[in-house]
């Protein structure tokens, strides 16, 4: 799996990664076959105003965004949602839970996804996403912009 912060970066990275595998096969005398098992996923392009609305509602529920405020480098997502975000205004926000240092795709993270902290994140996420949708539907300027940007891609 190759990841990059932009789809252009991924296009540049992929041939370099392929050459590493080809060189290893050549050096060891192995036979190499490479096959794409899924589509390429682009970088995630989140709508800043929708994301700001989501954050404001989350903060109203006591959520904090310390990593964002500290300017921490954003992770490279691997999701088809990223491809959608290049076509229509979208957000893919994250809410934290007490995972004791574990991260996605680890058994300890799965364990942390059961219990009060996870239930709170789930409820907060659902409520905040609904409130953000209500903003998008009821704020005339935001609604007009989102509809116009969506129509540009139709």
Protein backbone atom coordinates (compact mmCIF):
# COMPACT_ATOMS: atom_id res chain seq x y z
CA UNK A 1 0.00 0.00 0.00
CA UNK A 2 1.30 3.44 -0.95
CA UNK A 3 -0.02 6.64 0.59
CA UNK A 4 0.53 10.28 -0.21
CA UNK A 5 -0.98 13.58 0.87
CA UNK A 6 -2.07 14.31 -2.73
CA UNK A 7 -3.17 12.21 -5.71
CA UNK A 8 -0.34 13.78 -7.71
CA UNK A 9 2.13 12.66 -5.06
CA UNK A 10 0.71 9.16 -5.25
CA UNK A 11 1.16 9.11 -9.02
CA UNK A 12 4.82 10.08 -8.51
CA UNK A 13 5.36 7.63 -5.65
CA UNK A 14 3.86 4.49 -7.18
CA UNK A 15 6.51 3.95 -9.92
CA UNK A 16 9.28 4.41 -7.34
CA UNK A 17 7.72 1.79 -5.07
CA UNK A 18 7.25 -0.57 -8.03
CA UNK A 19 10.94 -0.22 -8.93
CA UNK A 20 11.90 -1.17 -5.35
CA UNK A 21 9.99 -4.43 -5.66
CA UNK A 22 11.39 -5.05 -9.15
CA UNK A 23 14.94 -4.49 -7.89
CA UNK A 24 14.38 -6.86 -4.97
CA UNK A 25 13.07 -9.54 -7.31
CA UNK A 26 16.02 -9.08 -9.63
CA UNK A 27 18.52 -9.16 -6.76
CA UNK A 28 17.05 -12.35 -5.28
CA UNK A 29 16.19 -14.13 -8.49
CA UNK A 30 12.51 -14.16 -7.59
CA UNK A 31 9.63 -13.83 -10.00
CA UNK A 32 7.45 -10.77 -9.39
CA UNK A 33 3.82 -10.20 -10.26
CA UNK A 34 2.05 -7.03 -9.14
CA UNK A 35 -1.69 -6.59 -9.34
CA UNK A 36 -3.86 -3.69 -8.24
CA UNK A 37 -6.49 -5.05 -5.89
CA UNK A 38 -8.53 -1.88 -5.64
CA UNK A 39 -8.81 1.65 -6.94
CA UNK A 40 -6.40 4.42 -6.08
CA UNK A 41 -7.69 6.70 -3.38
CA UNK A 42 -7.02 10.41 -3.65
CA UNK A 43 -6.15 12.87 -0.95
CA UNK A 44 -9.05 14.09 1.17
CA UNK A 45 -10.24 17.61 0.27
CA UNK A 46 -12.54 18.71 3.07
CA UNK A 47 -14.84 21.71 2.77
CA UNK A 48 -13.41 24.22 5.26
CA UNK A 49 -16.73 25.87 6.13
CA UNK A 50 -18.54 22.58 6.74
CA UNK A 51 -15.58 21.36 8.77
CA UNK A 52 -15.64 24.59 10.79
CA UNK A 53 -19.33 24.14 11.49
CA UNK A 54 -18.71 20.54 12.58
CA UNK A 55 -15.92 21.66 14.89
CA UNK A 56 -18.00 24.44 16.46
CA UNK A 57 -20.83 22.02 17.22
CA UNK A 58 -18.36 19.45 18.59
CA UNK A 59 -16.77 22.06 20.83
CA UNK A 60 -20.24 22.98 22.10
CA UNK A 61 -20.45 19.33 23.24
CA UNK A 62 -17.08 19.60 25.02
CA UNK A 63 -14.89 18.09 22.29
CA UNK A 64 -11.38 19.49 21.80
CA UNK A 65 -9.13 19.48 18.76
CA UNK A 66 -5.68 19.77 20.32
CA UNK A 67 -3.84 18.10 17.41
CA UNK A 68 -5.45 20.46 14.90
CA UNK A 69 -4.68 23.49 17.06
CA UNK A 70 -1.06 22.36 17.45
CA UNK A 71 -0.66 22.15 13.68
CA UNK A 72 0.04 18.42 13.79
CA UNK A 73 0.54 16.84 10.38
CA UNK A 74 -2.70 15.34 9.15
CA UNK A 75 -2.81 11.60 8.45
CA UNK A 76 -3.03 10.22 4.92
CA UNK A 77 -6.47 8.67 4.63
CA UNK A 78 -7.09 5.62 2.54
CA UNK A 79 -10.78 5.85 1.77
CA UNK A 80 -13.07 6.16 -1.21
CA UNK A 81 -14.59 9.13 0.64
CA UNK A 82 -11.46 11.02 -0.40
CA UNK A 83 -12.30 10.49 -4.07
CA UNK A 84 -15.84 11.76 -3.43
CA UNK A 85 -14.42 14.86 -1.73
CA UNK A 86 -12.80 15.95 -5.00
CA UNK A 87 -16.20 15.96 -6.71
CA UNK A 88 -18.63 17.40 -4.14
CA UNK A 89 -18.19 19.40 -0.93
CA UNK A 90 -17.52 16.87 1.83
CA UNK A 91 -16.10 16.36 5.29
CA UNK A 92 -14.59 13.33 6.98
CA UNK A 93 -14.08 14.60 10.53
CA UNK A 94 -12.52 12.60 13.33
CA UNK A 95 -13.50 12.50 16.99
CA UNK A 96 -11.22 11.02 19.60
CA UNK A 97 -11.84 8.34 22.16
CA UNK A 98 -9.73 7.04 25.00
CA UNK A 99 -7.74 4.36 23.15
CA UNK A 100 -4.73 4.33 25.52
CA UNK A 101 -2.31 5.01 22.65
CA UNK A 102 -3.71 2.41 20.24
CA UNK A 103 -4.55 3.46 16.69
CA UNK A 104 -6.87 2.18 13.98
CA UNK A 105 -6.47 -1.40 12.76
CA UNK A 106 -4.94 -2.64 16.03
CA UNK A 107 -6.65 -5.13 18.34
CA UNK A 108 -6.20 -2.73 21.27
CA UNK A 109 -8.05 -0.03 19.34
CA UNK A 110 -10.91 -2.44 18.64
CA UNK A 111 -11.05 -3.16 22.37
CA UNK A 112 -11.15 0.58 23.11
CA UNK A 113 -14.15 0.93 20.80
CA UNK A 114 -16.34 -0.72 23.42
CA UNK A 115 -17.31 1.24 26.49
CA UNK A 116 -18.24 4.72 27.69
CA UNK A 117 -15.56 6.68 25.78
CA UNK A 118 -16.49 5.06 22.47
CA UNK A 119 -20.21 5.44 23.13
CA UNK A 120 -19.69 9.13 23.87
CA UNK A 121 -17.71 9.60 20.63
CA UNK A 122 -20.41 7.80 18.67
CA UNK A 123 -23.25 9.86 20.15
CA UNK A 124 -21.33 13.15 19.84
CA UNK A 125 -20.36 12.35 16.26
CA UNK A 126 -23.93 11.55 15.25
CA UNK A 127 -25.40 14.66 16.90
CA UNK A 128 -22.69 16.96 15.58
CA UNK A 129 -22.94 15.59 12.04
CA UNK A 130 -26.73 16.10 12.12
CA UNK A 131 -26.30 19.67 13.36
CA UNK A 132 -23.80 20.32 10.57
CA UNK A 133 -26.30 18.97 8.04
CA UNK A 134 -28.99 21.23 9.47
CA UNK A 135 -26.61 24.19 9.04
CA UNK A 136 -25.99 23.19 5.41
CA UNK A 137 -29.72 22.97 4.75
CA UNK A 138 -30.88 26.07 6.60
CA UNK A 139 -28.09 28.66 6.17
CA UNK A 140 -29.03 30.33 2.85
CA UNK A 141 -25.48 31.37 1.86
CA UNK A 142 -23.94 28.02 2.78
CA UNK A 143 -26.74 26.06 1.11
CA UNK A 144 -26.47 28.11 -2.10
CA UNK A 145 -22.69 27.65 -2.27
CA UNK A 146 -22.84 23.91 -1.61
CA UNK A 147 -25.55 23.38 -4.21
CA UNK A 148 -23.65 25.46 -6.76
CA UNK A 149 -20.41 23.56 -6.17
CA UNK A 150 -22.25 20.25 -6.41
CA UNK A 151 -23.91 21.34 -9.67
CA UNK A 152 -20.52 22.23 -11.19
CA UNK A 153 -19.58 18.57 -11.16
CA UNK A 154 -22.88 17.25 -12.55
